[in-house]
Amino acid sequence: MHCQSQDFDTLDRRLIDCYQRDLPVCSRPFHAMAERLGASEEQVIERLQRLETLGVLSRVGPVFDHALAGASLLAAVAVPEEQRDAFAELINQVPGVNHNYAREHHYNLWFVMTAAEERSLDERLTQLETTLGRTILRLPMLESFHIDLAFAIPWAELEGI
């Protein structure tokens, strides 16, 4: 769905501007957001759901420092292209799998897997190799880089579009 800037009122815009990062860490984050924005918790939740439905937001949630939260790694597997979706479904069923995506490469399915500790991560990957009948390329992170994906939205400039 294609949205125009005029489709967003002040509350929508403030939600987008204020919470691309720094979501409140508390038992009721939407309530804390609502207090800051002068809205109700229900309004904030409804707006976030609407923005997600419109395709403006892809997700609302925290980004964890995986090194502090357990073990994780990037993994890749080469599967027959005509069976890629079926293999992807098998991978998606494994606990801790996220960011599963196709690439145009010999290794054509890539995913991130997380677990509480290295031993569990290795066990899950080994079991998945057995399930898939394929060797999984394991790419542990050697160095961490923080990429800030928050963007300043030039609302005034968008008005004429």
Protein backbone atom coordinates (compact mmCIF):
# COMPACT_ATOMS: atom_id res chain seq x y z
CA MET A 1 0.00 0.00 0.00
CA HIS A 2 1.33 3.44 -0.90
CA CYS A 3 0.98 6.13 1.77
CA GLN A 4 1.25 9.89 1.46
CA SER A 5 2.60 12.12 4.23
CA GLN A 6 -0.86 13.61 4.68
CA ASP A 7 -2.06 10.14 5.73
CA PHE A 8 -0.22 10.67 9.03
CA ASP A 9 -1.51 12.95 11.75
CA THR A 10 0.54 14.48 14.55
CA LEU A 11 0.37 11.39 16.76
CA ASP A 12 1.50 9.11 13.91
CA ARG A 13 4.39 11.41 13.11
CA ARG A 14 5.47 11.76 16.73
CA LEU A 15 5.37 7.98 17.20
CA ILE A 16 7.59 7.53 14.16
CA ASP A 17 9.95 10.36 15.12
CA CYS A 18 10.26 9.61 18.84
CA TYR A 19 10.43 5.84 18.87
CA GLN A 20 12.68 4.68 16.06
CA ARG A 21 14.98 4.05 19.01
CA ASP A 22 14.82 4.34 22.79
CA LEU A 23 11.62 2.41 23.44
CA PRO A 24 10.87 2.53 27.17
CA VAL A 25 12.16 -0.47 29.08
CA CYS A 26 9.41 -1.09 31.62
CA SER A 27 6.43 -3.35 32.25
CA ARG A 28 4.09 -1.10 30.20
CA PRO A 29 6.14 0.53 27.44
CA PHE A 30 3.11 1.65 25.41
CA HIS A 31 1.70 3.39 28.49
CA ALA A 32 5.02 5.21 28.99
CA MET A 33 5.03 6.19 25.31
CA ALA A 34 1.44 7.44 25.58
CA GLU A 35 2.26 9.61 28.60
CA ARG A 36 5.13 11.24 26.73
CA LEU A 37 2.97 11.83 23.65
CA GLY A 38 -0.16 13.04 25.48
CA ALA A 39 -2.24 10.11 24.27
CA SER A 40 -3.79 6.99 25.75
CA GLU A 41 -2.10 3.62 25.81
CA GLU A 42 -4.90 2.26 23.61
CA GLN A 43 -4.33 5.03 21.04
CA VAL A 44 -0.62 4.24 20.87
CA ILE A 45 -1.25 0.52 20.39
CA GLU A 46 -3.95 1.17 17.75
CA ARG A 47 -1.69 3.60 15.85
CA LEU A 48 1.26 1.21 15.89
CA GLN A 49 -0.97 -1.58 14.58
CA ARG A 50 -2.31 0.73 11.86
CA LEU A 51 1.19 1.82 10.83
CA GLU A 52 2.27 -1.81 10.67
CA THR A 53 -0.78 -2.73 8.56
CA LEU A 54 0.02 0.14 6.19
CA GLY A 55 3.57 -1.19 5.84
CA VAL A 56 5.10 1.91 7.41
CA LEU A 57 6.52 -0.15 10.30
CA SER A 58 7.97 -3.60 9.92
CA ARG A 59 8.28 -4.32 13.63
CA VAL A 60 8.10 -2.74 17.06
CA GLY A 61 10.47 -4.18 19.61
CA PRO A 62 13.87 -4.11 21.16
CA VAL A 63 17.21 -4.82 19.57
CA PHE A 64 19.35 -6.83 21.93
CA ASP A 65 23.10 -7.01 22.22
CA HIS A 66 23.17 -10.71 21.40
CA ALA A 67 26.62 -11.11 22.96
CA LEU A 68 25.05 -10.25 26.32
CA ALA A 69 21.85 -12.22 25.73
CA GLY A 70 23.33 -15.60 24.78
CA ALA A 71 24.88 -17.09 21.66
CA SER A 72 24.12 -16.44 18.02
CA LEU A 73 25.59 -16.72 14.56
CA LEU A 74 24.86 -16.16 10.91
CA ALA A 75 24.30 -19.40 9.05
CA ALA A 76 23.85 -20.33 5.41
CA VAL A 77 22.83 -23.44 3.54
CA ALA A 78 22.81 -24.42 -0.13
CA VAL A 79 19.55 -26.00 -1.23
CA PRO A 80 18.00 -26.77 -4.62
CA GLU A 81 16.40 -23.54 -5.83
CA GLU A 82 13.12 -25.26 -6.72
CA GLN A 83 12.86 -26.55 -3.11
CA ARG A 84 14.07 -23.37 -1.41
CA ASP A 85 10.69 -22.46 0.12
CA ALA A 86 10.22 -25.94 1.57
CA PHE A 87 13.70 -25.85 3.12
CA ALA A 88 13.01 -22.34 4.47
CA GLU A 89 9.88 -23.64 6.20
CA LEU A 90 11.89 -26.40 7.89
CA ILE A 91 14.46 -23.84 9.06
CA ASN A 92 11.76 -21.49 10.35
CA GLN A 93 10.40 -24.22 12.64
CA VAL A 94 13.62 -24.37 14.67
CA PRO A 95 13.62 -22.36 17.91
CA GLY A 96 15.88 -19.32 17.79
CA VAL A 97 15.83 -18.84 14.01
CA ASN A 98 15.25 -15.33 12.72
CA HIS A 99 16.12 -13.21 9.70
CA ASN A 100 15.72 -16.15 7.32
CA TYR A 101 16.13 -14.89 3.76
CA ALA A 102 17.00 -16.04 0.25
CA ARG A 103 20.12 -14.87 -1.59
CA GLU A 104 21.35 -15.32 -5.12
CA HIS A 105 24.42 -17.37 -4.26
CA HIS A 106 25.52 -20.99 -3.98
CA TYR A 107 24.47 -20.65 -0.33
CA ASN A 108 20.96 -19.47 -1.10
CA LEU A 109 19.29 -19.51 2.34
CA TRP A 110 20.75 -17.38 5.11
CA PHE A 111 19.50 -17.06 8.67
CA VAL A 112 20.51 -16.02 12.15
CA MET A 113 20.14 -18.51 14.97
CA THR A 114 20.26 -17.68 18.67
CA ALA A 115 20.34 -19.79 21.82
CA ALA A 116 21.00 -19.35 25.52
CA GLU A 117 24.58 -20.62 25.20
CA GLU A 118 27.04 -21.95 22.61
CA ARG A 119 26.38 -25.62 23.38
CA SER A 120 22.64 -25.28 22.71
CA LEU A 121 23.32 -23.28 19.56
CA ASP A 122 25.67 -25.97 18.25
CA GLU A 123 23.17 -28.73 19.11
CA ARG A 124 20.36 -26.93 17.26
CA LEU A 125 22.50 -26.39 14.18
CA THR A 126 23.68 -30.01 14.18
CA GLN A 127 20.08 -31.25 14.49
CA LEU A 128 19.01 -28.89 11.70
CA GLU A 129 21.78 -30.26 9.46
CA THR A 130 20.37 -33.75 10.05
CA THR A 131 16.82 -32.58 9.30
CA LEU A 132 17.86 -30.79 6.11
CA GLY A 133 20.39 -33.39 4.98
CA ARG A 134 22.69 -30.46 4.23
CA THR A 135 25.81 -28.98 5.75
CA ILE A 136 25.25 -25.57 7.30
CA LEU A 137 27.90 -22.90 6.88
CA ARG A 138 28.44 -21.40 10.34
CA LEU A 139 29.65 -17.80 10.45
CA PRO A 140 30.16 -16.61 14.02
CA MET A 141 30.54 -12.89 14.51
CA LEU A 142 34.14 -11.82 14.97
CA GLU A 143 33.54 -8.11 15.47
CA SER A 144 30.39 -6.17 16.33
CA PHE A 145 29.30 -3.06 14.47
CA HIS A 146 26.38 -0.88 15.52
CA ILE A 147 24.35 0.42 12.61
CA ASP A 148 21.81 3.07 13.58
CA LEU A 149 18.81 2.64 11.33
CA ALA A 150 16.80 5.59 12.63
CA PHE A 151 15.98 8.27 10.09
CA ALA A 152 14.88 11.87 10.46
CA ILE A 153 11.67 12.21 8.47
CA PRO A 154 11.43 15.54 6.60
CA TRP A 155 7.64 15.83 7.03
CA ALA A 156 7.44 19.42 5.69
CA GLU A 157 9.31 18.48 2.53
CA LEU A 158 7.03 15.50 1.97
CA GLU A 159 3.85 17.58 2.08
CA GLY A 160 4.14 18.47 -1.62
CA ILE A 161 4.72 14.91 -2.79
